[in-house]
């Protein structure tokens, strides 16, 4: 961001004629002091508003990511031990950072891929495409999922599945599991690189 600002300021100084600045200085010195104060107050107000809007936008994006991560933890691992919940959250965040998946938590959670043979969209996480309500019903487990999502999102806690990008329940054997390197089994889930 700083390099863009530096390039812009360099171009600005190169292409604006010096006589423009002389004219601007002359006009500025002839303006009444009250007008200068009003101009400065408005400038401060506008710039602080822009900076506040940026911060609110960033905060909203972070809250949205944490909510999506918490929903994934809740629906994928609410019956798992705490370490299993952290591991599921780690897989989601690892996918965000991998470069092979979307770089946004919600887009990773709700990602769908077209399956050519079945001619349907396959979801990365099954709960996102089932016909059940996604509204959490167990408030205790939902609050725990939110807490874990905040910890993993802010990288406060490491897990055994720190490099995992895939997992599945131990009672199924997906076709892709044989091609992946197994990292750990936590609760009812098996995690892979």
N, C-alpha and C. Protein backbone atom coordinates (compact mmCIF):
# COMPACT_ATOMS: atom_id res chain seq x y z
N UNK A 1 0.83 -1.19 0.00
CA UNK A 1 0.00 0.00 0.00
C UNK A 1 0.87 1.26 0.00
N UNK A 2 1.95 1.22 0.79
CA UNK A 2 2.84 2.39 0.86
C UNK A 2 3.52 2.63 -0.48
N UNK A 3 3.90 1.54 -1.17
CA UNK A 3 4.59 1.71 -2.45
C UNK A 3 3.66 2.35 -3.48
N UNK A 4 2.37 2.00 -3.45
CA UNK A 4 1.41 2.61 -4.37
C UNK A 4 1.30 4.10 -4.08
N UNK A 5 1.21 4.45 -2.80
CA UNK A 5 1.12 5.86 -2.41
C UNK A 5 2.38 6.61 -2.84
N UNK A 6 3.54 5.96 -2.71
CA UNK A 6 4.80 6.59 -3.09
C UNK A 6 4.85 6.85 -4.59
N UNK A 7 4.41 5.86 -5.37
CA UNK A 7 4.39 6.02 -6.83
C UNK A 7 3.43 7.14 -7.21
N UNK A 8 2.24 7.14 -6.59
CA UNK A 8 1.24 8.16 -6.89
C UNK A 8 1.78 9.56 -6.56
N UNK A 9 2.41 9.70 -5.40
CA UNK A 9 2.92 11.03 -5.03
C UNK A 9 4.05 11.46 -5.96
N UNK A 10 4.88 10.52 -6.39
CA UNK A 10 5.95 10.85 -7.33
C UNK A 10 5.36 11.33 -8.65
N UNK A 11 4.40 10.59 -9.16
CA UNK A 11 3.75 10.99 -10.42
C UNK A 11 3.05 12.33 -10.27
N UNK A 12 2.42 12.54 -9.12
CA UNK A 12 1.72 13.79 -8.86
C UNK A 12 2.68 14.96 -8.96
N UNK A 13 3.84 14.85 -8.29
CA UNK A 13 4.82 15.94 -8.28
C UNK A 13 5.45 16.13 -9.65
N UNK A 14 5.56 15.05 -10.44
CA UNK A 14 6.18 15.15 -11.76
C UNK A 14 5.28 15.86 -12.78
N UNK A 15 3.97 15.62 -12.72
CA UNK A 15 3.07 16.09 -13.76
C UNK A 15 2.29 17.37 -13.41
N UNK A 16 2.37 17.83 -12.19
CA UNK A 16 1.69 19.08 -11.82
C UNK A 16 2.70 20.22 -11.97
N UNK A 17 2.39 21.21 -12.82
CA UNK A 17 3.35 22.30 -13.03
C UNK A 17 3.59 23.11 -11.76
N UNK A 18 4.81 23.63 -11.62
CA UNK A 18 5.17 24.41 -10.43
C UNK A 18 4.32 25.67 -10.31
N UNK A 19 3.93 26.25 -11.44
CA UNK A 19 3.14 27.48 -11.34
C UNK A 19 1.77 27.21 -10.72
N UNK A 20 1.29 25.94 -10.80
CA UNK A 20 0.04 25.60 -10.12
C UNK A 20 0.21 25.78 -8.61
N UNK A 21 1.36 25.35 -8.08
CA UNK A 21 1.59 25.49 -6.64
C UNK A 21 1.76 26.96 -6.25
N UNK A 22 2.37 27.73 -7.13
CA UNK A 22 2.50 29.17 -6.87
C UNK A 22 1.11 29.81 -6.83
N UNK A 23 0.26 29.44 -7.78
CA UNK A 23 -1.11 29.96 -7.82
C UNK A 23 -1.89 29.53 -6.57
N UNK A 24 -1.72 28.26 -6.20
CA UNK A 24 -2.42 27.74 -5.03
C UNK A 24 -1.96 28.47 -3.77
N UNK A 25 -0.66 28.71 -3.64
CA UNK A 25 -0.13 29.42 -2.48
C UNK A 25 -0.68 30.84 -2.41
N UNK A 26 -0.73 31.51 -3.56
CA UNK A 26 -1.25 32.88 -3.61
C UNK A 26 -2.72 32.91 -3.18
N UNK A 27 -3.51 31.97 -3.69
CA UNK A 27 -4.93 31.91 -3.33
C UNK A 27 -5.09 31.62 -1.84
N UNK A 28 -4.28 30.70 -1.34
CA UNK A 28 -4.37 30.30 0.07
C UNK A 28 -4.04 31.48 0.99
N UNK A 29 -3.03 32.25 0.66
CA UNK A 29 -2.64 33.37 1.52
C UNK A 29 -3.67 34.49 1.49
N UNK A 30 -4.48 34.55 0.43
CA UNK A 30 -5.50 35.60 0.33
C UNK A 30 -6.85 35.21 0.94
N UNK A 31 -6.97 33.96 1.34
CA UNK A 31 -8.23 33.51 1.94
C UNK A 31 -8.29 33.96 3.39
N UNK A 32 -9.47 34.33 3.83
CA UNK A 32 -9.69 34.77 5.21
C UNK A 32 -9.39 33.60 6.16
N UNK A 33 -8.90 33.88 7.35
CA UNK A 33 -8.51 32.86 8.32
C UNK A 33 -9.67 31.94 8.71
N UNK A 34 -10.87 32.46 8.80
CA UNK A 34 -12.04 31.64 9.14
C UNK A 34 -12.29 30.60 8.06
N UNK A 35 -12.13 30.99 6.82
CA UNK A 35 -12.32 30.05 5.71
C UNK A 35 -11.27 28.95 5.76
N UNK A 36 -10.04 29.30 6.12
CA UNK A 36 -8.97 28.30 6.24
C UNK A 36 -9.31 27.29 7.33
N UNK A 37 -9.82 27.80 8.45
CA UNK A 37 -10.18 26.90 9.55
C UNK A 37 -11.31 25.96 9.14
N UNK A 38 -12.31 26.49 8.47
CA UNK A 38 -13.42 25.66 8.00
C UNK A 38 -12.90 24.59 7.05
N UNK A 39 -12.01 24.99 6.13
CA UNK A 39 -11.43 24.04 5.19
C UNK A 39 -10.67 22.94 5.93
N UNK A 40 -9.87 23.31 6.91
CA UNK A 40 -9.09 22.33 7.67
C UNK A 40 -9.99 21.38 8.46
N UNK A 41 -11.05 21.93 9.08
CA UNK A 41 -11.97 21.08 9.85
C UNK A 41 -12.66 20.08 8.92
N UNK A 42 -13.11 20.56 7.77
CA UNK A 42 -13.77 19.65 6.82
C UNK A 42 -12.78 18.59 6.32
N UNK A 43 -11.55 18.98 6.06
CA UNK A 43 -10.53 18.02 5.61
C UNK A 43 -10.29 16.94 6.65
N UNK A 44 -10.15 17.35 7.90
CA UNK A 44 -9.93 16.38 8.98
C UNK A 44 -11.13 15.46 9.11
N UNK A 45 -12.33 16.03 9.03
CA UNK A 45 -13.56 15.24 9.15
C UNK A 45 -13.65 14.21 8.03
N UNK A 46 -13.37 14.61 6.80
CA UNK A 46 -13.46 13.69 5.66
C UNK A 46 -12.41 12.59 5.77
N UNK A 47 -11.17 12.96 6.06
CA UNK A 47 -10.12 11.94 6.15
C UNK A 47 -10.36 10.97 7.31
N UNK A 48 -10.85 11.48 8.44
CA UNK A 48 -11.13 10.57 9.55
C UNK A 48 -12.31 9.67 9.21
N UNK A 49 -13.29 10.18 8.47
CA UNK A 49 -14.42 9.36 8.04
C UNK A 49 -13.99 8.25 7.11
N UNK A 50 -13.08 8.56 6.20
CA UNK A 50 -12.58 7.54 5.28
C UNK A 50 -11.81 6.48 6.05
N UNK A 51 -10.99 6.90 6.99
CA UNK A 51 -10.22 5.93 7.76
C UNK A 51 -11.12 5.09 8.65
N UNK A 52 -12.17 5.69 9.21
CA UNK A 52 -13.11 4.93 10.04
C UNK A 52 -13.89 3.93 9.19
N UNK A 53 -14.28 4.32 7.99
CA UNK A 53 -15.00 3.41 7.09
C UNK A 53 -14.13 2.22 6.73
N UNK A 54 -12.84 2.46 6.50
CA UNK A 54 -11.91 1.37 6.20
C UNK A 54 -11.80 0.41 7.38
N UNK A 55 -11.68 0.96 8.59
CA UNK A 55 -11.57 0.12 9.78
C UNK A 55 -12.84 -0.68 9.99
N UNK A 56 -14.01 -0.07 9.83
CA UNK A 56 -15.27 -0.79 9.99
C UNK A 56 -15.41 -1.90 8.95
N UNK A 57 -14.97 -1.62 7.74
CA UNK A 57 -15.02 -2.62 6.69
C UNK A 57 -14.13 -3.81 7.04
N UNK A 58 -12.94 -3.53 7.55
CA UNK A 58 -12.01 -4.58 7.94
C UNK A 58 -12.58 -5.38 9.12
N UNK A 59 -13.16 -4.70 10.11
CA UNK A 59 -13.77 -5.38 11.25
C UNK A 59 -14.92 -6.26 10.81
N UNK A 60 -15.74 -5.75 9.89
CA UNK A 60 -16.89 -6.53 9.41
C UNK A 60 -16.41 -7.79 8.70
N UNK A 61 -15.37 -7.66 7.90
CA UNK A 61 -14.81 -8.80 7.18
C UNK A 61 -14.29 -9.86 8.16
N UNK A 62 -13.62 -9.41 9.22
CA UNK A 62 -13.09 -10.33 10.22
C UNK A 62 -14.23 -11.04 10.97
N UNK A 63 -15.28 -10.30 11.34
CA UNK A 63 -16.42 -10.91 12.02
C UNK A 63 -17.11 -11.93 11.13
N UNK A 64 -17.22 -11.62 9.85
CA UNK A 64 -17.84 -12.54 8.89
C UNK A 64 -17.02 -13.83 8.80
N UNK A 65 -15.69 -13.70 8.71
CA UNK A 65 -14.82 -14.87 8.64
C UNK A 65 -14.94 -15.73 9.89
N UNK A 66 -14.95 -15.10 11.05
CA UNK A 66 -15.06 -15.84 12.31
C UNK A 66 -16.40 -16.57 12.39
N UNK A 67 -17.46 -15.91 11.94
CA UNK A 67 -18.78 -16.55 11.95
C UNK A 67 -18.79 -17.78 11.04
N UNK A 68 -18.25 -17.67 9.83
CA UNK A 68 -18.20 -18.82 8.92
C UNK A 68 -17.35 -19.95 9.49
N UNK A 69 -16.23 -19.60 10.10
CA UNK A 69 -15.37 -20.60 10.71
C UNK A 69 -16.08 -21.29 11.87
N UNK A 70 -16.78 -20.52 12.69
CA UNK A 70 -17.53 -21.08 13.82
C UNK A 70 -18.65 -22.00 13.33
N UNK A 71 -19.33 -21.60 12.25
CA UNK A 71 -20.39 -22.46 11.68
C UNK A 71 -19.79 -23.78 11.21
N UNK A 72 -18.62 -23.74 10.60
CA UNK A 72 -17.99 -24.97 10.14
C UNK A 72 -17.59 -25.86 11.31
N UNK A 73 -17.03 -25.27 12.34
CA UNK A 73 -16.66 -26.03 13.53
C UNK A 73 -17.91 -26.68 14.14
N UNK A 74 -18.95 -25.89 14.29
CA UNK A 74 -20.19 -26.36 14.91
C UNK A 74 -20.78 -27.54 14.13
N UNK A 75 -20.91 -27.39 12.83
CA UNK A 75 -21.58 -28.43 12.04
C UNK A 75 -20.70 -29.63 11.74
N UNK A 76 -19.39 -29.43 11.66
CA UNK A 76 -18.49 -30.54 11.34
C UNK A 76 -17.99 -31.28 12.58
N UNK A 77 -17.90 -30.58 13.72
CA UNK A 77 -17.21 -31.20 14.86
C UNK A 77 -17.84 -30.92 16.21
N UNK A 78 -19.11 -30.56 16.29
CA UNK A 78 -19.68 -30.20 17.59
C UNK A 78 -19.67 -31.36 18.58
N UNK A 79 -19.69 -32.60 18.12
CA UNK A 79 -19.64 -33.76 19.01
C UNK A 79 -18.24 -34.27 19.27
N UNK A 80 -17.25 -33.60 18.71
CA UNK A 80 -15.85 -34.02 18.84
C UNK A 80 -15.22 -33.44 20.09
N UNK A 81 -14.10 -34.03 20.53
CA UNK A 81 -13.37 -33.40 21.65
C UNK A 81 -12.84 -32.04 21.21
N UNK A 82 -12.45 -31.24 22.17
CA UNK A 82 -11.99 -29.88 21.86
C UNK A 82 -10.83 -29.89 20.86
N UNK A 83 -9.91 -30.83 20.99
CA UNK A 83 -8.78 -30.91 20.06
C UNK A 83 -9.26 -31.18 18.64
N UNK A 84 -10.33 -31.94 18.49
CA UNK A 84 -10.90 -32.22 17.17
C UNK A 84 -11.53 -30.97 16.56
N UNK A 85 -12.15 -30.16 17.40
CA UNK A 85 -12.74 -28.90 16.93
C UNK A 85 -11.65 -27.95 16.45
N UNK A 86 -10.57 -27.87 17.23
CA UNK A 86 -9.45 -27.02 16.81
C UNK A 86 -8.84 -27.53 15.50
N UNK A 87 -8.77 -28.84 15.34
CA UNK A 87 -8.18 -29.41 14.13
C UNK A 87 -9.04 -29.11 12.90
N UNK A 88 -10.36 -29.20 13.03
CA UNK A 88 -11.26 -28.88 11.91
C UNK A 88 -11.10 -27.40 11.54
N UNK A 89 -11.01 -26.54 12.53
CA UNK A 89 -10.81 -25.12 12.27
C UNK A 89 -9.45 -24.89 11.58
N UNK A 90 -8.43 -25.63 12.01
CA UNK A 90 -7.11 -25.49 11.41
C UNK A 90 -7.13 -25.88 9.93
N UNK A 91 -7.85 -26.94 9.60
CA UNK A 91 -7.96 -27.36 8.20
C UNK A 91 -8.58 -26.24 7.36
N UNK A 92 -9.63 -25.63 7.89
CA UNK A 92 -10.29 -24.54 7.17
C UNK A 92 -9.32 -23.39 6.93
N UNK A 93 -8.60 -22.99 7.97
CA UNK A 93 -7.65 -21.88 7.84
C UNK A 93 -6.46 -22.26 6.96
N UNK A 94 -6.02 -23.52 7.02
CA UNK A 94 -4.93 -23.98 6.14
C UNK A 94 -5.33 -23.89 4.68
N UNK A 95 -6.60 -24.18 4.40
CA UNK A 95 -7.08 -24.06 3.02
C UNK A 95 -7.07 -22.60 2.57
N UNK A 96 -7.44 -21.71 3.46
CA UNK A 96 -7.42 -20.28 3.12
C UNK A 96 -6.00 -19.85 2.74
N UNK A 97 -5.01 -20.34 3.48
CA UNK A 97 -3.62 -19.93 3.27
C UNK A 97 -2.91 -20.71 2.15
N UNK A 98 -3.51 -21.82 1.69
CA UNK A 98 -2.81 -22.74 0.78
C UNK A 98 -2.55 -22.19 -0.62
N UNK A 99 -3.41 -21.32 -1.12
CA UNK A 99 -3.28 -20.86 -2.49
C UNK A 99 -3.99 -21.76 -3.49
N UNK A 100 -4.42 -22.95 -3.05
CA UNK A 100 -5.14 -23.88 -3.92
C UNK A 100 -6.65 -23.79 -3.70
N UNK A 101 -7.02 -23.06 -2.70
CA UNK A 101 -8.43 -22.85 -2.35
C UNK A 101 -8.68 -21.34 -2.30
N UNK A 102 -9.94 -20.94 -2.18
CA UNK A 102 -10.21 -19.49 -2.07
C UNK A 102 -9.45 -18.88 -0.88
N UNK A 103 -9.14 -17.60 -0.96
CA UNK A 103 -8.37 -16.95 0.11
C UNK A 103 -9.28 -16.22 1.10
N UNK A 104 -10.47 -16.71 1.27
CA UNK A 104 -11.46 -16.12 2.16
C UNK A 104 -12.13 -17.27 2.91
N UNK A 105 -12.30 -17.15 4.22
CA UNK A 105 -12.83 -18.24 5.04
C UNK A 105 -14.20 -18.68 4.55
N UNK A 106 -15.11 -17.75 4.35
CA UNK A 106 -16.47 -18.11 3.93
C UNK A 106 -16.47 -18.80 2.57
N UNK A 107 -15.63 -18.35 1.66
CA UNK A 107 -15.56 -18.99 0.34
C UNK A 107 -14.99 -20.40 0.43
N UNK A 108 -14.08 -20.64 1.36
CA UNK A 108 -13.57 -22.00 1.58
C UNK A 108 -14.67 -22.88 2.15
N UNK A 109 -15.38 -22.38 3.14
CA UNK A 109 -16.42 -23.17 3.80
C UNK A 109 -17.55 -23.54 2.82
N UNK A 110 -17.96 -22.59 2.00
CA UNK A 110 -19.10 -22.81 1.11
C UNK A 110 -18.69 -23.19 -0.32
N UNK A 111 -17.43 -23.57 -0.52
CA UNK A 111 -16.93 -23.91 -1.85
C UNK A 111 -17.65 -25.15 -2.40
N UNK A 112 -17.99 -25.08 -3.68
CA UNK A 112 -18.61 -26.22 -4.37
C UNK A 112 -17.88 -26.45 -5.69
N UNK A 113 -17.74 -27.72 -6.03
CA UNK A 113 -17.05 -28.10 -7.26
C UNK A 113 -17.99 -28.97 -8.10
N UNK A 114 -18.00 -28.74 -9.40
CA UNK A 114 -18.85 -29.52 -10.30
C UNK A 114 -18.26 -30.91 -10.50
N UNK A 115 -19.07 -31.95 -10.24
CA UNK A 115 -18.65 -33.34 -10.43
C UNK A 115 -19.18 -33.78 -11.80
N UNK A 116 -18.26 -34.05 -12.73
CA UNK A 116 -18.65 -34.32 -14.12
C UNK A 116 -19.47 -35.61 -14.26
N UNK A 117 -19.06 -36.66 -13.56
CA UNK A 117 -19.76 -37.94 -13.71
C UNK A 117 -21.15 -37.91 -13.08
N UNK A 118 -21.26 -37.35 -11.89
CA UNK A 118 -22.56 -37.30 -11.20
C UNK A 118 -23.42 -36.14 -11.67
N UNK A 119 -22.79 -35.19 -12.35
CA UNK A 119 -23.47 -33.98 -12.86
C UNK A 119 -24.18 -33.21 -11.73
N UNK A 120 -23.45 -33.03 -10.65
CA UNK A 120 -23.94 -32.24 -9.52
C UNK A 120 -22.77 -31.46 -8.92
N UNK A 121 -23.11 -30.46 -8.11
CA UNK A 121 -22.08 -29.75 -7.36
C UNK A 121 -21.79 -30.50 -6.07
N UNK A 122 -20.52 -30.69 -5.76
CA UNK A 122 -20.09 -31.35 -4.53
C UNK A 122 -19.55 -30.27 -3.61
N UNK A 123 -19.99 -30.28 -2.36
CA UNK A 123 -19.54 -29.29 -1.38
C UNK A 123 -18.29 -29.77 -0.67
N UNK A 124 -17.44 -28.83 -0.31
CA UNK A 124 -16.23 -29.17 0.45
C UNK A 124 -16.61 -29.70 1.83
N UNK A 125 -17.64 -29.12 2.43
CA UNK A 125 -18.13 -29.56 3.73
C UNK A 125 -19.61 -29.91 3.57
N UNK A 126 -19.95 -31.15 3.90
CA UNK A 126 -21.27 -31.68 3.57
C UNK A 126 -22.44 -30.90 4.17
N UNK A 127 -22.26 -30.30 5.32
CA UNK A 127 -23.37 -29.59 5.97
C UNK A 127 -23.84 -28.39 5.15
N UNK A 128 -22.98 -27.87 4.27
CA UNK A 128 -23.37 -26.69 3.49
C UNK A 128 -24.34 -27.01 2.37
N UNK A 129 -24.50 -28.29 2.04
CA UNK A 129 -25.39 -28.63 0.94
C UNK A 129 -26.49 -29.63 1.34
N UNK A 130 -26.56 -29.98 2.62
CA UNK A 130 -27.66 -30.85 3.01
C UNK A 130 -28.95 -30.04 3.13
N UNK A 131 -30.03 -30.69 3.33
CA UNK A 131 -31.33 -30.01 3.36
C UNK A 131 -31.73 -29.58 4.76
N UNK A 132 -30.82 -29.71 5.74
CA UNK A 132 -31.13 -29.35 7.12
C UNK A 132 -30.86 -27.87 7.38
N UNK A 133 -31.49 -27.35 8.41
CA UNK A 133 -31.27 -25.96 8.81
C UNK A 133 -29.84 -25.78 9.32
N UNK A 134 -29.23 -24.67 8.97
CA UNK A 134 -27.87 -24.40 9.42
C UNK A 134 -27.84 -23.60 10.72
N UNK A 135 -28.98 -23.24 11.24
CA UNK A 135 -29.04 -22.44 12.47
C UNK A 135 -28.61 -23.32 13.66
N UNK A 136 -27.57 -22.92 14.40
CA UNK A 136 -27.14 -23.71 15.55
C UNK A 136 -28.25 -23.81 16.61
N UNK A 137 -28.48 -25.03 17.09
CA UNK A 137 -29.54 -25.25 18.08
C UNK A 137 -29.00 -25.40 19.50
N UNK A 138 -27.75 -25.81 19.63
CA UNK A 138 -27.14 -26.01 20.94
C UNK A 138 -26.28 -24.78 21.25
N UNK A 139 -26.78 -23.90 22.11
CA UNK A 139 -26.09 -22.63 22.37
C UNK A 139 -24.73 -22.82 23.03
N UNK A 140 -24.61 -23.82 23.90
CA UNK A 140 -23.32 -24.05 24.58
C UNK A 140 -22.26 -24.43 23.56
N UNK A 141 -22.59 -25.35 22.68
CA UNK A 141 -21.62 -25.77 21.66
C UNK A 141 -21.37 -24.67 20.63
N UNK A 142 -22.38 -23.87 20.35
CA UNK A 142 -22.20 -22.75 19.42
C UNK A 142 -21.22 -21.74 20.00
N UNK A 143 -21.39 -21.38 21.28
CA UNK A 143 -20.48 -20.42 21.91
C UNK A 143 -19.06 -20.98 21.98
N UNK A 144 -18.93 -22.27 22.21
CA UNK A 144 -17.60 -22.89 22.22
C UNK A 144 -16.99 -22.83 20.80
N UNK A 145 -17.81 -23.06 19.79
CA UNK A 145 -17.34 -22.99 18.40
C UNK A 145 -16.85 -21.58 18.06
N UNK A 146 -17.58 -20.57 18.53
CA UNK A 146 -17.18 -19.17 18.29
C UNK A 146 -15.84 -18.88 18.98
N UNK A 147 -15.69 -19.34 20.21
CA UNK A 147 -14.44 -19.12 20.95
C UNK A 147 -13.26 -19.78 20.23
N UNK A 148 -13.46 -21.01 19.80
CA UNK A 148 -12.41 -21.74 19.09
C UNK A 148 -12.09 -21.05 17.76
N UNK A 149 -13.13 -20.59 17.07
CA UNK A 149 -12.92 -19.89 15.80
C UNK A 149 -12.07 -18.64 16.00
N UNK A 150 -12.35 -17.89 17.07
CA UNK A 150 -11.54 -16.69 17.36
C UNK A 150 -10.09 -17.06 17.65
N UNK A 151 -9.88 -18.13 18.42
CA UNK A 151 -8.52 -18.57 18.74
C UNK A 151 -7.75 -18.97 17.49
N UNK A 152 -8.38 -19.77 16.64
CA UNK A 152 -7.69 -20.26 15.44
C UNK A 152 -7.50 -19.13 14.42
N UNK A 153 -8.50 -18.28 14.28
CA UNK A 153 -8.41 -17.15 13.33
C UNK A 153 -7.25 -16.22 13.70
N UNK A 154 -7.10 -15.97 15.00
CA UNK A 154 -6.02 -15.08 15.45
C UNK A 154 -4.72 -15.85 15.74
N UNK A 155 -4.70 -17.14 15.41
CA UNK A 155 -3.52 -18.01 15.55
C UNK A 155 -3.00 -18.08 16.97
N UNK A 156 -3.92 -18.14 17.94
CA UNK A 156 -3.51 -18.24 19.35
C UNK A 156 -3.20 -19.66 19.79
N UNK A 157 -3.73 -20.64 19.07
CA UNK A 157 -3.54 -22.03 19.50
C UNK A 157 -3.13 -22.90 18.32
N UNK A 158 -2.14 -23.75 18.54
CA UNK A 158 -1.67 -24.70 17.53
C UNK A 158 -2.35 -26.05 17.76
N UNK A 159 -2.45 -26.85 16.69
CA UNK A 159 -3.10 -28.16 16.80
C UNK A 159 -2.20 -29.24 16.22
N UNK A 160 -2.59 -30.48 16.45
CA UNK A 160 -1.86 -31.61 15.86
C UNK A 160 -2.03 -31.65 14.35
N UNK A 161 -3.08 -31.02 13.86
CA UNK A 161 -3.37 -31.02 12.43
C UNK A 161 -2.91 -29.72 11.78
N UNK A 162 -1.77 -29.20 12.21
CA UNK A 162 -1.34 -27.87 11.75
C UNK A 162 -1.09 -27.80 10.25
N UNK A 163 -0.73 -28.90 9.60
CA UNK A 163 -0.47 -28.89 8.15
C UNK A 163 -1.59 -29.53 7.34
N UNK A 164 -2.65 -29.96 8.00
CA UNK A 164 -3.71 -30.71 7.33
C UNK A 164 -4.55 -29.81 6.41
N UNK A 165 -4.89 -30.37 5.24
CA UNK A 165 -5.79 -29.69 4.31
C UNK A 165 -7.07 -30.50 4.09
N UNK A 166 -7.07 -31.74 4.55
CA UNK A 166 -8.21 -32.62 4.33
C UNK A 166 -8.50 -33.43 5.59
N UNK A 167 -9.72 -33.87 5.72
CA UNK A 167 -10.09 -34.81 6.77
C UNK A 167 -11.39 -35.49 6.38
N UNK A 168 -11.65 -36.60 7.04
CA UNK A 168 -12.93 -37.28 6.87
C UNK A 168 -13.24 -38.04 8.15
N UNK A 169 -14.49 -38.42 8.31
CA UNK A 169 -14.90 -39.21 9.47
C UNK A 169 -14.31 -40.61 9.35
N UNK A 170 -14.03 -41.24 10.49
CA UNK A 170 -13.38 -42.56 10.46
C UNK A 170 -14.31 -43.68 9.99
N UNK A 171 -15.60 -43.43 9.85
CA UNK A 171 -16.52 -44.46 9.40
C UNK A 171 -16.77 -44.43 7.89
N UNK A 172 -16.06 -43.55 7.17
CA UNK A 172 -16.12 -43.53 5.70
C UNK A 172 -14.72 -43.67 5.15
N UNK A 173 -14.61 -44.08 3.88
CA UNK A 173 -13.29 -44.15 3.25
C UNK A 173 -13.40 -43.55 1.85
N UNK A 174 -13.17 -42.24 1.75
CA UNK A 174 -13.27 -41.57 0.46
C UNK A 174 -12.15 -42.00 -0.49
N UNK A 175 -12.42 -41.89 -1.79
CA UNK A 175 -11.45 -42.32 -2.81
C UNK A 175 -10.13 -41.56 -2.73
N UNK A 176 -10.17 -40.30 -2.31
CA UNK A 176 -8.98 -39.46 -2.32
C UNK A 176 -8.03 -39.73 -1.16
N UNK A 177 -8.49 -40.43 -0.11
CA UNK A 177 -7.68 -40.63 1.11
C UNK A 177 -6.41 -41.44 0.84
N UNK A 178 -6.46 -42.39 -0.08
CA UNK A 178 -5.30 -43.22 -0.38
C UNK A 178 -4.15 -42.42 -0.99
N UNK A 179 -4.46 -41.28 -1.61
CA UNK A 179 -3.44 -40.46 -2.27
C UNK A 179 -2.83 -39.41 -1.34
N UNK A 180 -3.34 -39.30 -0.13
CA UNK A 180 -2.89 -38.25 0.80
C UNK A 180 -2.06 -38.86 1.93
N UNK A 181 -1.25 -38.00 2.56
CA UNK A 181 -0.42 -38.43 3.69
C UNK A 181 -1.19 -38.19 4.99
N UNK A 182 -1.39 -39.28 5.74
CA UNK A 182 -2.14 -39.19 7.00
C UNK A 182 -1.29 -38.49 8.06
N UNK A 183 -1.90 -37.54 8.76
CA UNK A 183 -1.19 -36.79 9.81
C UNK A 183 -1.60 -37.27 11.19
N UNK A 184 -2.91 -37.33 11.44
CA UNK A 184 -3.38 -37.67 12.78
C UNK A 184 -4.82 -38.14 12.74
N UNK A 185 -5.20 -38.83 13.80
CA UNK A 185 -6.60 -39.18 14.04
C UNK A 185 -6.98 -38.50 15.34
N UNK A 186 -7.96 -37.63 15.27
CA UNK A 186 -8.41 -36.90 16.45
C UNK A 186 -9.91 -37.09 16.55
N UNK A 187 -10.35 -37.69 17.63
CA UNK A 187 -11.78 -37.98 17.77
C UNK A 187 -12.20 -38.93 16.67
N UNK A 188 -13.27 -38.60 15.95
CA UNK A 188 -13.79 -39.44 14.87
C UNK A 188 -13.29 -39.01 13.49
N UNK A 189 -12.31 -38.07 13.45
CA UNK A 189 -11.80 -37.58 12.16
C UNK A 189 -10.35 -38.00 11.94
N UNK A 190 -10.05 -38.26 10.67
CA UNK A 190 -8.68 -38.57 10.26
C UNK A 190 -8.22 -37.41 9.38
N UNK A 191 -7.04 -36.88 9.68
CA UNK A 191 -6.53 -35.68 8.99
C UNK A 191 -5.36 -36.02 8.08
N UNK A 192 -5.31 -35.32 6.94
CA UNK A 192 -4.31 -35.59 5.90
C UNK A 192 -3.65 -34.30 5.41
N UNK A 193 -2.41 -34.48 4.90
CA UNK A 193 -1.72 -33.39 4.19
C UNK A 193 -2.22 -33.38 2.76
